[in-house]
């Protein structure tokens, strides 16, 4: 990689990391930052355009749009990060077992992985969400079920490669158990790639949560979520575009930041990861 390209990737890494940290701070300090209660109804200020009192305007029942976006950051980050951690953990365990033992065990897990990957992720998430009661935990669980298979496929391939190395043969020669070899000797070599893969996945999970909330299958009103704000106010787009535009920009900015962060991390470490 040329010096100029490395510099660009380094800048993209730090810029995207800065945006992500800002979102995290907004989520953590939402009660302090938000100028109004996101659930407070004010019928005297219905559909007000952005002004000095309400910087991003108000919605159809007078709730402050900025405050709702700030509190919606909590939901999006919680779902995106929690679903990523859970699916990463499940995929890592399945990938380790399938790749290390091979044979019938590998065939069994590979069949399950292929079964999950055969369906478009969003359609599968919608199908599972219809069965479960809507809510924050249900959305996180659904996205975990949808996302673990891609992680498992990635780590299975890595384990198949690492297990042929001499350090694994040396561990077997001194009498290490299979579990010790998998989790002490092979797993640390997978961690750098797992962190990059996770950062690439968070953005897609945030987008999926917004899509489920848009369809009414995610976190239910009156809890503010970016997707629900777009869904509830989309019919007012011609007359009050700020009610849809600003939550949509928040979704786009968060997804782009996580994707840029993952791409820059992958390029800086020289890893070829598709997740």
Protein backbone atom coordinates (compact mmCIF):
# COMPACT_ATOMS: atom_id res chain seq x y z
CA UNK A 1 0.00 0.00 0.00
CA UNK A 2 1.44 3.39 -0.99
CA UNK A 3 2.14 6.08 1.59
CA UNK A 4 -0.66 8.34 0.33
CA UNK A 5 -3.14 5.46 0.48
CA UNK A 6 -2.02 4.58 4.00
CA UNK A 7 -2.46 8.21 5.02
CA UNK A 8 -6.00 8.31 3.59
CA UNK A 9 -6.92 5.08 5.36
CA UNK A 10 -5.43 6.39 8.59
CA UNK A 11 -7.50 9.56 8.31
CA UNK A 12 -10.65 7.57 7.54
CA UNK A 13 -9.95 5.40 10.58
CA UNK A 14 -9.60 8.33 12.99
CA UNK A 15 -12.47 10.36 11.49
CA UNK A 16 -14.87 7.41 11.68
CA UNK A 17 -13.67 6.53 15.19
CA UNK A 18 -14.33 10.12 16.27
CA UNK A 19 -17.88 9.98 14.92
CA UNK A 20 -18.48 6.63 16.65
CA UNK A 21 -17.20 7.99 19.96
CA UNK A 22 -19.49 11.00 19.59
CA UNK A 23 -22.47 8.69 19.12
CA UNK A 24 -21.41 6.72 22.21
CA UNK A 25 -21.13 9.90 24.28
CA UNK A 26 -24.53 11.07 23.06
CA UNK A 27 -26.06 7.73 24.06
CA UNK A 28 -24.40 7.74 27.49
CA UNK A 29 -25.26 11.34 28.35
CA UNK A 30 -28.64 11.57 26.61
CA UNK A 31 -30.50 12.83 29.74
CA UNK A 32 -27.97 15.68 30.04
CA UNK A 33 -27.71 16.57 26.36
CA UNK A 34 -31.38 16.33 25.33
CA UNK A 35 -33.08 19.73 25.66
CA UNK A 36 -36.55 18.22 26.24
CA UNK A 37 -38.22 15.04 27.42
CA UNK A 38 -38.46 12.88 24.25
CA UNK A 39 -41.89 11.60 25.31
CA UNK A 40 -43.37 14.97 26.34
CA UNK A 41 -46.38 15.96 24.21
CA UNK A 42 -46.92 19.67 23.54
CA UNK A 43 -49.99 20.35 21.42
CA UNK A 44 -49.11 24.05 21.23
CA UNK A 45 -46.03 23.27 19.13
CA UNK A 46 -47.23 20.74 16.57
CA UNK A 47 -45.12 20.29 13.40
CA UNK A 48 -42.96 23.31 14.05
CA UNK A 49 -40.09 23.81 11.62
CA UNK A 50 -36.57 24.01 13.05
CA UNK A 51 -36.18 27.15 15.14
CA UNK A 52 -34.25 28.52 18.10
CA UNK A 53 -36.39 26.66 20.67
CA UNK A 54 -36.53 23.37 18.77
CA UNK A 55 -33.36 23.10 16.70
CA UNK A 56 -34.65 20.20 14.59
CA UNK A 57 -38.35 21.03 14.84
CA UNK A 58 -41.20 19.06 16.40
CA UNK A 59 -43.35 16.15 15.28
CA UNK A 60 -47.11 15.70 14.85
CA UNK A 61 -47.82 15.81 18.59
CA UNK A 62 -45.27 18.46 19.53
CA UNK A 63 -42.39 16.23 20.66
CA UNK A 64 -38.89 17.63 20.14
CA UNK A 65 -37.23 15.84 17.22
CA UNK A 66 -33.68 16.48 18.43
CA UNK A 67 -34.41 14.98 21.84
CA UNK A 68 -35.98 11.91 20.26
CA UNK A 69 -32.98 11.43 17.95
CA UNK A 70 -30.61 11.71 20.92
CA UNK A 71 -32.52 9.08 22.90
CA UNK A 72 -32.91 6.96 19.76
CA UNK A 73 -29.10 6.75 19.65
CA UNK A 74 -29.26 4.60 22.78
CA UNK A 75 -31.52 2.04 21.14
CA UNK A 76 -29.57 1.85 17.89
CA UNK A 77 -26.16 1.49 19.54
CA UNK A 78 -27.41 -0.99 22.13
CA UNK A 79 -29.00 -3.22 19.51
CA UNK A 80 -26.13 -2.89 17.03
CA UNK A 81 -23.36 -3.59 19.53
CA UNK A 82 -25.22 -6.22 21.58
CA UNK A 83 -26.32 -8.19 18.52
CA UNK A 84 -22.78 -8.03 17.13
CA UNK A 85 -21.20 -9.30 20.36
CA UNK A 86 -23.72 -12.16 20.71
CA UNK A 87 -23.55 -13.24 17.06
CA UNK A 88 -19.76 -12.93 17.09
CA UNK A 89 -19.50 -15.15 20.16
CA UNK A 90 -21.84 -17.78 18.77
CA UNK A 91 -20.20 -17.74 15.35
CA UNK A 92 -16.75 -17.95 16.89
CA UNK A 93 -17.62 -21.04 18.94
CA UNK A 94 -19.33 -22.81 16.03
CA UNK A 95 -16.48 -21.90 13.66
CA UNK A 96 -13.86 -23.19 16.09
CA UNK A 97 -15.64 -26.51 16.59
CA UNK A 98 -16.47 -27.06 12.92
CA UNK A 99 -13.03 -26.11 11.65
CA UNK A 100 -11.04 -27.99 14.26
CA UNK A 101 -12.88 -31.32 14.31
CA UNK A 102 -13.89 -31.48 10.62
CA UNK A 103 -15.57 -34.74 9.48
CA UNK A 104 -19.21 -35.28 10.41
CA UNK A 105 -19.19 -32.47 12.96
CA UNK A 106 -17.99 -30.03 10.31
CA UNK A 107 -20.59 -31.30 7.83
CA UNK A 108 -23.38 -30.84 10.40
CA UNK A 109 -22.45 -27.28 11.31
CA UNK A 110 -21.71 -26.35 7.71
CA UNK A 111 -25.18 -27.51 6.72
CA UNK A 112 -26.75 -25.30 9.40
CA UNK A 113 -24.57 -22.35 8.41
CA UNK A 114 -25.51 -22.75 4.74
CA UNK A 115 -29.17 -22.99 5.71
CA UNK A 116 -29.08 -19.63 7.50
CA UNK A 117 -27.03 -18.00 4.75
CA UNK A 118 -29.44 -19.24 2.07
CA UNK A 119 -32.04 -16.66 3.14
CA UNK A 120 -31.66 -12.88 2.72
CA UNK A 121 -30.81 -11.60 6.19
CA UNK A 122 -33.50 -8.92 6.37
CA UNK A 123 -36.25 -11.26 5.16
CA UNK A 124 -35.16 -13.87 7.69
CA UNK A 125 -35.17 -11.22 10.44
CA UNK A 126 -38.68 -10.14 9.46
CA UNK A 127 -39.89 -13.75 9.45
CA UNK A 128 -38.52 -14.43 12.93
CA UNK A 129 -39.71 -11.06 14.28
CA UNK A 130 -43.29 -11.86 13.30
CA UNK A 131 -43.23 -14.84 15.68
CA UNK A 132 -41.66 -13.05 18.65
CA UNK A 133 -43.22 -10.23 20.68
CA UNK A 134 -41.81 -6.88 19.57
CA UNK A 135 -39.30 -5.22 21.84
CA UNK A 136 -35.67 -4.37 22.44
CA UNK A 137 -34.60 -7.85 23.58
CA UNK A 138 -36.48 -9.55 20.74
CA UNK A 139 -34.82 -7.36 18.10
CA UNK A 140 -31.37 -8.09 19.56
CA UNK A 141 -32.10 -11.83 19.64
CA UNK A 142 -33.40 -11.83 16.07
CA UNK A 143 -30.36 -10.01 14.70
CA UNK A 144 -28.09 -12.41 16.58
CA UNK A 145 -29.82 -15.37 14.93
CA UNK A 146 -29.51 -13.72 11.54
CA UNK A 147 -25.87 -12.68 11.89
CA UNK A 148 -24.02 -15.55 13.56
CA UNK A 149 -23.73 -17.74 10.42
CA UNK A 150 -21.51 -15.31 8.51
CA UNK A 151 -19.14 -15.12 11.48
CA UNK A 152 -19.11 -18.92 11.78
CA UNK A 153 -18.20 -19.34 8.12
CA UNK A 154 -15.37 -16.81 8.45
CA UNK A 155 -13.86 -18.42 11.56
CA UNK A 156 -14.26 -21.96 10.26
CA UNK A 157 -12.04 -21.07 7.32
CA UNK A 158 -9.49 -19.44 9.60
CA UNK A 159 -9.34 -22.45 11.93
CA UNK A 160 -8.89 -24.81 8.99
CA UNK A 161 -5.85 -22.76 8.03
CA UNK A 162 -4.37 -22.30 11.51
CA UNK A 163 -4.69 -25.94 12.57
CA UNK A 164 -2.14 -26.93 9.91
CA UNK A 165 0.54 -24.69 11.43
CA UNK A 166 3.48 -26.02 13.41
CA UNK A 167 2.42 -24.38 16.69
CA UNK A 168 -0.68 -26.60 16.75
CA UNK A 169 1.45 -29.72 16.10
CA UNK A 170 3.77 -28.62 18.91
CA UNK A 171 0.82 -28.17 21.28
CA UNK A 172 -0.42 -31.67 20.47
CA UNK A 173 3.08 -33.08 20.95
CA UNK A 174 3.30 -31.79 24.53
CA UNK A 175 -0.12 -33.26 25.35
CA UNK A 176 -2.45 -30.23 25.17
CA UNK A 177 -6.15 -31.08 25.07
CA UNK A 178 -8.32 -30.17 22.10
CA UNK A 179 -10.09 -27.47 24.10
CA UNK A 180 -6.78 -25.92 25.13
CA UNK A 181 -5.52 -25.93 21.56
CA UNK A 182 -8.73 -24.32 20.28
CA UNK A 183 -9.13 -21.61 22.91
CA UNK A 184 -5.54 -20.94 23.99
CA UNK A 185 -3.52 -21.51 20.82
CA UNK A 186 -5.88 -20.94 17.87
CA UNK A 187 -8.41 -18.43 19.22
CA UNK A 188 -5.89 -15.58 19.86
CA UNK A 189 -4.91 -15.69 16.18
CA UNK A 190 -8.58 -15.15 15.24
CA UNK A 191 -9.18 -12.17 17.53
CA UNK A 192 -7.73 -9.37 15.34
CA UNK A 193 -9.87 -10.48 12.40
CA UNK A 194 -12.89 -10.91 14.68
CA UNK A 195 -12.66 -7.30 15.86
CA UNK A 196 -12.54 -6.03 12.28
CA UNK A 197 -15.44 -8.28 11.26
CA UNK A 198 -17.46 -7.07 14.25
CA UNK A 199 -16.94 -3.40 13.36
CA UNK A 200 -18.14 -4.13 9.83
CA UNK A 201 -21.25 -5.85 11.19
CA UNK A 202 -22.39 -3.20 13.66
CA UNK A 203 -23.44 -0.83 10.88
CA UNK A 204 -25.55 -3.46 9.12
CA UNK A 205 -27.25 -4.38 12.41
CA UNK A 206 -28.09 -0.72 13.08
CA UNK A 207 -29.60 -0.53 9.61
CA UNK A 208 -31.53 -3.77 10.16
CA UNK A 209 -32.89 -2.54 13.50
CA UNK A 210 -34.05 0.66 11.80
CA UNK A 211 -35.73 -1.38 9.07
CA UNK A 212 -37.54 -3.58 11.61
CA UNK A 213 -38.66 -0.51 13.57
CA UNK A 214 -39.81 1.07 10.30
CA UNK A 215 -42.00 -2.01 9.70
CA UNK A 216 -43.35 -1.94 13.26
CA UNK A 217 -41.50 -5.12 14.27
CA UNK A 218 -38.83 -3.48 16.41
CA UNK A 219 -38.96 -1.42 19.59
CA UNK A 220 -42.49 -0.14 20.00
CA UNK A 221 -43.70 3.47 20.45
CA UNK A 222 -43.50 5.70 22.37
CA UNK A 223 -39.84 4.66 22.82
CA UNK A 224 -37.93 6.82 20.32
CA UNK A 225 -36.02 4.92 17.63
CA UNK A 226 -34.65 6.30 14.38
CA UNK A 227 -36.48 3.77 12.19
CA UNK A 228 -39.82 4.30 13.93
CA UNK A 229 -39.47 8.08 13.58
CA UNK A 230 -39.01 7.71 9.83
CA UNK A 231 -41.90 5.25 9.59
CA UNK A 232 -44.41 7.25 11.64
CA UNK A 233 -43.70 10.53 9.87
CA UNK A 234 -43.08 9.44 6.28
CA UNK A 235 -46.50 10.56 5.14
CA UNK A 236 -45.62 14.11 6.26
CA UNK A 237 -42.48 14.25 4.12
CA UNK A 238 -43.86 16.90 1.68
CA UNK A 239 -45.17 19.20 4.42
CA UNK A 240 -42.71 18.56 7.28
CA UNK A 241 -39.56 16.95 5.86
CA UNK A 242 -37.48 17.59 9.01
CA UNK A 243 -39.40 14.83 10.86
CA UNK A 244 -38.03 12.24 8.41
CA UNK A 245 -34.84 13.86 7.14
CA UNK A 246 -32.96 14.20 10.45
CA UNK A 247 -33.61 10.66 11.79
CA UNK A 248 -32.66 9.33 8.34
CA UNK A 249 -29.41 11.31 8.44
CA UNK A 250 -28.64 9.89 11.89
CA UNK A 251 -29.07 6.34 10.54
CA UNK A 252 -26.91 7.08 7.51
CA UNK A 253 -24.15 8.76 9.54
CA UNK A 254 -23.95 5.91 12.08
CA UNK A 255 -23.87 3.19 9.42
CA UNK A 256 -21.28 5.03 7.31
CA UNK A 257 -19.06 5.66 10.36
CA UNK A 258 -19.01 1.99 11.38
CA UNK A 259 -18.47 0.83 7.81
CA UNK A 260 -15.61 3.28 7.25
CA UNK A 261 -14.07 2.27 10.57
CA UNK A 262 -14.21 -1.43 9.63
CA UNK A 263 -12.89 -0.85 6.12
CA UNK A 264 -10.03 1.33 7.33
CA UNK A 265 -9.11 -1.17 10.06
CA UNK A 266 -9.12 -4.01 7.55
CA UNK A 267 -6.91 -2.14 5.09
CA UNK A 268 -4.49 -0.92 7.75
CA UNK A 269 -3.98 -4.48 9.02
CA UNK A 270 -3.85 -5.91 5.51
CA UNK A 271 -6.71 -8.34 6.10
CA UNK A 272 -9.09 -9.50 3.36
CA UNK A 273 -12.39 -9.94 5.17
CA UNK A 274 -15.85 -10.30 3.71
CA UNK A 275 -18.65 -10.45 6.26
